Amino acid sequence: MAVRAADGQIRLLYVTVSVGGWGGSSVTMTTSTDDGKTWTPARRLITTPFFNLSTLVKGTPFLYDDGTVGVPVYHELIGKFGELLRLDKTGAVIDKQRLSSGNDSLQPVVLALSNRNAIALMRYAAGGPRNASSAFPPTMRDVTGPTREIAVVESGRGALRCRAGRRKNPGCPERYRERPGPAVARCLPRRGVTWETVITLEDQTGFRGRPLDRARYLEATEALARDSDATVLDPAGHARAAAAQMCRGAGCGFEFSYPYLIQARDGEFHLAYTWNRSFIKHVRFNRAWLDRRLGESGNDQRH
């Protein structure tokens, strides 16, 4: 996750795993003073006295008025809960606050509503019909599927949220899952409680209910790769790489996951997400495009 600090430096924070799985992870930071051309040596943030393990970052960092940086993080060792770190101008942790407790919330993102109020949205990891929980207000329900990952940004005229989530594909073996594509959504006046879908960027649910064999998967995925970027020279090679990740035996599936959304200085929005566990897809759009989509009928068309 990247953030431009008050002094103009870019700070890049990412997860490194020391031992075991995600429970043995920590957050590492590197800094650039020349807009990403060069970077300082990486250093780990000290986030917990417990061997400095089990801190992960996914949500976009943000700036406080005094120039310090807020970083939403979460833990997966013993419990699953969100926290908020505050970093000083050197990148050292000077404060840490709990955003949730227990064993069911991950990957918080923070949406600033004003200079004094914010809400934290978290992925709900306990299954069941609820797929996102929030702090301040205490809950947010979305019954379209469990364990969705979310990304959010305050755009100045309402918030945008992008989401992706696992959903069972009846046409595939039980152990394979499909994640419907990230949906660009706009927050309505209740500020974080009610959302309106603007567009669904990826959706392969049309393959449900019938077997998806490797040949058909390669054909569909090659078309997706070609449509995603006209400059791709070897879409068949992209499809084969994706099939290596997403096909086991006779069954294949699709997965679009882990969206990351930011708004640049020029006002344009940039959305990146994992495409079939093989590539990172980048989508760029602006406010005029969003407003046009909101004014059109049939905003639920699949693309």
Protein backbone atom coordinates (compact mmCIF):
# COMPACT_ATOMS: atom_id res chain seq x y z
CA MET A 1 0.00 0.00 0.00
CA ALA A 2 1.38 3.43 -0.90
CA VAL A 3 0.76 6.88 0.56
CA ARG A 4 2.27 10.29 -0.17
CA ALA A 5 3.37 11.82 3.13
CA ALA A 6 2.94 15.48 4.05
CA ASP A 7 6.53 16.20 3.01
CA GLY A 8 5.96 14.75 -0.48
CA GLN A 9 7.73 11.44 0.09
CA ILE A 10 6.05 8.24 -1.02
CA ARG A 11 5.88 5.50 1.60
CA LEU A 12 5.28 1.95 0.44
CA LEU A 13 4.05 -0.56 3.03
CA TYR A 14 3.80 -4.27 2.34
CA VAL A 15 3.55 -7.61 4.13
CA THR A 16 6.51 -9.93 4.60
CA VAL A 17 6.23 -13.43 6.04
CA SER A 18 8.99 -14.54 8.42
CA VAL A 19 7.72 -17.95 9.56
CA GLY A 20 4.71 -20.08 8.72
CA GLY A 21 1.74 -18.46 7.00
CA TRP A 22 0.04 -15.12 7.46
CA GLY A 23 0.23 -15.53 11.24
CA GLY A 24 4.01 -15.07 10.97
CA SER A 25 3.87 -11.85 8.98
CA SER A 26 4.93 -8.27 9.64
CA VAL A 27 4.69 -4.91 7.89
CA THR A 28 7.70 -3.56 6.01
CA MET A 29 8.16 0.01 4.78
CA THR A 30 10.35 1.68 2.18
CA THR A 31 10.43 5.36 1.16
CA SER A 32 11.00 7.23 -2.10
CA THR A 33 11.89 10.92 -2.42
CA ASP A 34 11.86 10.96 -6.24
CA ASP A 35 8.36 9.71 -7.07
CA GLY A 36 9.28 6.04 -7.07
CA LYS A 37 12.49 6.07 -9.10
CA THR A 38 14.60 4.97 -6.14
CA TRP A 39 13.77 3.58 -2.71
CA THR A 40 15.41 3.48 0.70
CA PRO A 41 16.41 0.15 2.27
CA ALA A 42 13.32 -1.63 3.61
CA ARG A 43 12.70 -1.75 7.35
CA ARG A 44 10.09 -3.50 9.45
CA LEU A 45 7.62 -1.57 11.53
CA ILE A 46 7.49 -2.53 15.20
CA THR A 47 3.76 -3.12 15.68
CA THR A 48 3.52 -5.67 18.51
CA PRO A 49 5.71 -6.89 21.39
CA PHE A 50 4.80 -10.50 20.57
CA PHE A 51 7.88 -11.21 18.40
CA ASN A 52 6.58 -8.46 16.07
CA LEU A 53 4.44 -11.05 14.24
CA SER A 54 0.99 -11.26 12.72
CA THR A 55 0.45 -7.71 11.46
CA LEU A 56 -0.84 -7.35 7.89
CA VAL A 57 -1.79 -4.34 5.79
CA LYS A 58 -4.25 -4.05 2.90
CA GLY A 59 -6.26 -0.85 3.36
CA THR A 60 -5.05 2.47 1.92
CA PRO A 61 -3.09 4.64 4.41
CA PHE A 62 -4.26 8.22 5.00
CA LEU A 63 -2.94 11.49 6.43
CA TYR A 64 -3.91 13.21 9.66
CA ASP A 65 -3.98 17.01 9.81
CA ASP A 66 -0.66 17.09 11.68
CA GLY A 67 1.14 15.13 8.93
CA THR A 68 1.22 11.79 10.70
CA VAL A 69 0.00 8.75 8.76
CA GLY A 70 -2.84 6.38 9.65
CA VAL A 71 -2.42 2.78 8.51
CA PRO A 72 -5.31 0.27 8.81
CA VAL A 73 -3.88 -3.16 9.71
CA TYR A 74 -5.18 -6.49 10.98
CA HIS A 75 -4.08 -9.66 12.79
CA GLU A 76 -4.63 -13.34 12.05
CA LEU A 77 -2.71 -15.04 14.88
CA ILE A 78 -5.04 -16.46 17.58
CA GLY A 79 -7.72 -13.88 16.79
CA LYS A 80 -8.78 -11.99 13.67
CA PHE A 81 -9.27 -8.29 14.29
CA GLY A 82 -8.53 -4.87 12.87
CA GLU A 83 -6.29 -2.13 14.24
CA LEU A 84 -5.21 1.36 13.29
CA LEU A 85 -1.55 2.37 13.44
CA ARG A 86 -0.35 5.96 13.54
CA LEU A 87 3.11 6.68 12.14
CA ASP A 88 5.21 9.76 12.80
CA LYS A 89 7.16 11.63 10.12
CA THR A 90 9.99 9.09 10.34
CA GLY A 91 7.66 6.12 9.89
CA ALA A 92 7.82 4.95 13.51
CA VAL A 93 4.64 3.67 15.19
CA ILE A 94 3.52 6.20 17.80
CA ASP A 95 -0.03 4.96 18.48
CA LYS A 96 -2.17 1.87 17.95
CA GLN A 97 -5.94 1.47 18.40
CA ARG A 98 -8.25 -1.54 18.12
CA LEU A 99 -10.96 -1.34 15.46
CA SER A 100 -12.58 -4.67 16.30
CA SER A 101 -12.11 -7.77 18.43
CA GLY A 102 -12.76 -11.49 18.29
CA ASN A 103 -12.14 -13.78 15.36
CA ASP A 104 -14.25 -12.53 12.47
CA SER A 105 -12.95 -9.23 11.00
CA LEU A 106 -10.07 -8.65 8.60
CA GLN A 107 -8.59 -6.16 6.17
CA PRO A 108 -10.00 -2.84 7.45
CA VAL A 109 -10.33 0.22 5.26
CA VAL A 110 -10.95 3.66 6.72
CA LEU A 111 -13.30 6.21 5.16
CA ALA A 112 -12.91 9.76 6.48
CA LEU A 113 -16.27 11.54 6.67
CA SER A 114 -14.81 14.78 8.07
CA ASN A 115 -11.72 15.95 9.91
CA ARG A 116 -13.20 14.50 13.12
CA ASN A 117 -15.24 11.47 12.04
CA ALA A 118 -14.54 8.30 10.07
CA ILE A 119 -15.87 4.78 9.61
CA ALA A 120 -13.81 1.60 9.33
CA LEU A 121 -15.15 -1.13 7.03
CA MET A 122 -13.84 -4.65 7.53
CA ARG A 123 -14.12 -7.94 5.73
CA TYR A 124 -16.34 -10.28 7.73
CA ALA A 125 -14.50 -13.60 8.02
CA ALA A 126 -16.89 -15.76 10.02
CA GLY A 127 -19.13 -16.90 7.15
CA GLY A 128 -22.90 -16.58 7.08
CA PRO A 129 -24.91 -14.00 5.15
CA ARG A 130 -23.01 -10.93 6.30
CA ASN A 131 -19.88 -10.10 4.31
CA ALA A 132 -18.75 -6.77 5.72
CA SER A 133 -18.74 -5.32 9.18
CA SER A 134 -18.07 -1.77 10.17
CA ALA A 135 -17.12 0.29 13.17
CA PHE A 136 -18.99 3.56 13.78
CA PRO A 137 -21.83 2.64 12.90
CA PRO A 138 -21.49 -0.83 14.48
CA THR A 139 -22.71 -3.02 11.60
CA MET A 140 -23.26 -3.02 7.87
CA ARG A 141 -25.07 -5.85 6.10
CA ASP A 142 -24.70 -7.03 2.52
CA VAL A 143 -26.38 -10.34 1.74
CA THR A 144 -24.89 -10.97 -1.71
CA GLY A 145 -22.18 -13.33 -0.46
CA PRO A 146 -19.73 -13.98 2.39
CA THR A 147 -16.09 -13.00 2.85
CA ARG A 148 -15.90 -10.15 0.37
CA GLU A 149 -12.77 -8.02 0.18
CA ILE A 150 -13.40 -4.29 -0.09
CA ALA A 151 -11.58 -1.09 -1.04
CA VAL A 152 -12.94 2.40 -0.43
CA VAL A 153 -12.01 6.02 -1.14
CA GLU A 154 -13.69 9.34 -0.27
CA SER A 155 -14.04 11.22 -3.55
CA GLY A 156 -15.34 14.55 -2.26
CA ARG A 157 -18.92 13.88 -3.42
CA GLY A 158 -19.71 10.63 -1.67
CA ALA A 159 -17.55 7.56 -1.29
CA LEU A 160 -16.64 4.81 -3.70
CA ARG A 161 -16.34 1.21 -2.64
CA CYS A 162 -15.04 -1.69 -4.70
CA ARG A 163 -15.64 -5.22 -3.59
CA ALA A 164 -14.93 -8.82 -4.51
CA GLY A 165 -15.94 -12.04 -2.82
CA ARG A 166 -15.92 -15.80 -2.94
CA ARG A 167 -19.02 -17.49 -4.22
CA LYS A 168 -19.59 -21.14 -4.95
CA ASN A 169 -19.72 -22.10 -8.64
CA PRO A 170 -22.10 -25.07 -9.08
CA GLY A 171 -20.45 -25.92 -12.40
CA CYS A 172 -17.13 -26.69 -10.74
CA PRO A 173 -15.99 -29.25 -8.19
CA GLU A 174 -16.90 -28.37 -4.61
CA ARG A 175 -13.42 -27.30 -3.64
CA TYR A 176 -13.17 -24.57 -6.32
CA ARG A 177 -14.61 -21.14 -5.83
CA GLU A 178 -15.50 -18.17 -7.96
CA ARG A 179 -15.19 -14.58 -6.81
CA PRO A 180 -17.57 -12.27 -8.67
CA GLY A 181 -15.74 -9.27 -10.04
CA PRO A 182 -15.08 -6.04 -8.21
CA ALA A 183 -18.06 -3.70 -8.46
CA VAL A 184 -17.54 0.04 -8.51
CA ALA A 185 -20.15 1.40 -6.13
CA ARG A 186 -21.18 4.85 -4.94
CA CYS A 187 -22.14 5.69 -1.38
CA LEU A 188 -25.58 7.23 -0.93
CA PRO A 189 -26.39 10.03 1.58
CA ARG A 190 -26.36 7.75 4.63
CA ARG A 191 -22.57 7.80 4.31
CA GLY A 192 -21.33 4.25 4.35
CA VAL A 193 -24.52 2.39 5.20
CA THR A 194 -26.32 2.31 1.84
CA TRP A 195 -24.53 1.69 -1.47
CA GLU A 196 -25.55 1.77 -5.10
CA THR A 197 -23.82 -0.37 -7.72
CA VAL A 198 -22.52 1.62 -10.67
CA ILE A 199 -20.96 -1.13 -12.75
CA THR A 200 -19.68 -4.69 -12.40
CA LEU A 201 -16.27 -4.87 -14.01
CA GLU A 202 -15.90 -8.66 -14.13
CA ASP A 203 -18.56 -11.34 -13.99
CA GLN A 204 -18.25 -14.95 -15.12
CA THR A 205 -21.40 -16.17 -13.39
CA GLY A 206 -22.80 -17.08 -16.81
CA PHE A 207 -20.75 -20.26 -16.62
CA ARG A 208 -22.63 -21.48 -13.56
CA GLY A 209 -24.75 -24.57 -13.69
CA ARG A 210 -22.72 -26.34 -16.36
CA PRO A 211 -19.31 -27.94 -16.34
CA LEU A 212 -16.45 -25.61 -17.28
CA ASP A 213 -13.76 -27.81 -18.83
CA ARG A 214 -10.18 -26.75 -19.49
CA ALA A 215 -10.69 -26.09 -23.21
CA ARG A 216 -13.61 -23.74 -22.61
CA TYR A 217 -11.79 -22.13 -19.72
CA LEU A 218 -8.75 -21.42 -21.90
CA GLU A 219 -10.98 -19.93 -24.59
CA ALA A 220 -12.85 -17.68 -22.15
CA THR A 221 -9.72 -16.59 -20.30
CA GLU A 222 -7.85 -15.84 -23.51
CA ALA A 223 -10.73 -13.59 -24.55
CA LEU A 224 -10.62 -11.84 -21.17
CA ALA A 225 -6.87 -11.25 -21.49
CA ARG A 226 -7.27 -9.89 -25.02
CA ASP A 227 -10.16 -7.62 -24.05
CA SER A 228 -8.34 -6.35 -20.96
CA ASP A 229 -5.35 -5.04 -22.92
CA ALA A 230 -5.16 -4.75 -26.70
CA THR A 231 -1.35 -4.71 -26.53
CA VAL A 232 -1.14 -8.24 -25.11
CA LEU A 233 0.99 -10.21 -27.57
CA ASP A 234 0.31 -13.68 -26.24
CA PRO A 235 -3.22 -13.92 -24.80
CA ALA A 236 -3.08 -17.72 -25.10
CA GLY A 237 -0.01 -17.73 -22.87
CA HIS A 238 -1.84 -15.61 -20.32
CA ALA A 239 -4.72 -18.08 -20.42
CA ARG A 240 -2.40 -21.05 -19.86
CA ALA A 241 -0.79 -19.32 -16.87
CA ALA A 242 -4.22 -18.63 -15.38
CA ALA A 243 -5.32 -22.22 -16.02
CA ALA A 244 -2.31 -23.47 -14.07
CA GLN A 245 -3.71 -21.56 -11.06
CA MET A 246 -7.42 -22.12 -11.50
CA CYS A 247 -7.88 -25.57 -13.08
CA ARG A 248 -7.67 -28.87 -11.23
CA GLY A 249 -8.73 -32.04 -12.97
CA ALA A 250 -11.78 -31.46 -15.16
CA GLY A 251 -13.03 -28.35 -13.35
CA CYS A 252 -11.91 -24.74 -13.74
CA GLY A 253 -13.03 -21.53 -12.09
CA PHE A 254 -12.60 -17.76 -12.17
CA GLU A 255 -11.42 -15.50 -9.38
CA PHE A 256 -11.25 -11.71 -9.20
CA SER A 257 -10.11 -10.57 -5.80
CA TYR A 258 -8.37 -8.09 -3.46
CA PRO A 259 -9.32 -4.73 -4.99
CA TYR A 260 -7.22 -1.66 -4.21
CA LEU A 261 -8.65 1.78 -5.00
CA ILE A 262 -7.04 5.24 -4.88
CA GLN A 263 -7.76 8.69 -6.26
CA ALA A 264 -4.80 10.49 -7.86
CA ARG A 265 -3.95 14.20 -7.69
CA ASP A 266 -5.63 14.81 -11.04
CA GLY A 267 -8.92 13.41 -9.69
CA GLU A 268 -8.83 10.15 -11.61
CA PHE A 269 -9.51 6.88 -9.82
CA HIS A 270 -7.24 3.85 -10.14
CA LEU A 271 -8.47 0.37 -9.29
CA ALA A 272 -6.16 -2.65 -9.22
CA TYR A 273 -7.22 -6.20 -8.46
CA THR A 274 -5.99 -9.78 -8.78
CA TRP A 275 -7.17 -11.46 -11.98
CA ASN A 276 -7.43 -15.26 -11.80
CA ARG A 277 -4.58 -15.45 -9.27
CA SER A 278 -2.16 -14.81 -12.13
CA PHE A 279 -2.16 -11.11 -13.05
CA ILE A 280 -2.94 -7.70 -11.65
CA LYS A 281 -5.54 -5.79 -13.63
CA HIS A 282 -5.61 -1.98 -13.62
CA VAL A 283 -8.76 0.04 -14.35
CA ARG A 284 -8.73 3.86 -14.59
CA PHE A 285 -11.84 6.05 -14.57
CA ASN A 286 -12.93 9.56 -13.62
CA ARG A 287 -15.82 11.35 -11.97
CA ALA A 288 -17.47 12.22 -15.30
CA TRP A 289 -17.60 8.53 -16.20
CA LEU A 290 -19.14 7.69 -12.83
CA ASP A 291 -21.75 10.43 -13.11
CA ARG A 292 -22.63 9.28 -16.62
CA ARG A 293 -23.02 5.70 -15.44
CA LEU A 294 -25.27 6.83 -12.60
CA GLY A 295 -27.45 8.71 -15.07
CA GLU A 296 -27.86 5.75 -17.39
CA SER A 297 -30.49 3.07 -17.07
CA GLY A 298 -29.44 -0.52 -16.59
CA ASN A 299 -26.42 0.17 -14.41
CA ASP A 300 -26.32 -3.50 -13.50
CA GLN A 301 -25.09 -4.57 -16.94
CA ARG A 302 -22.21 -7.00 -16.78
CA HIS A 303 -18.88 -6.20 -18.42
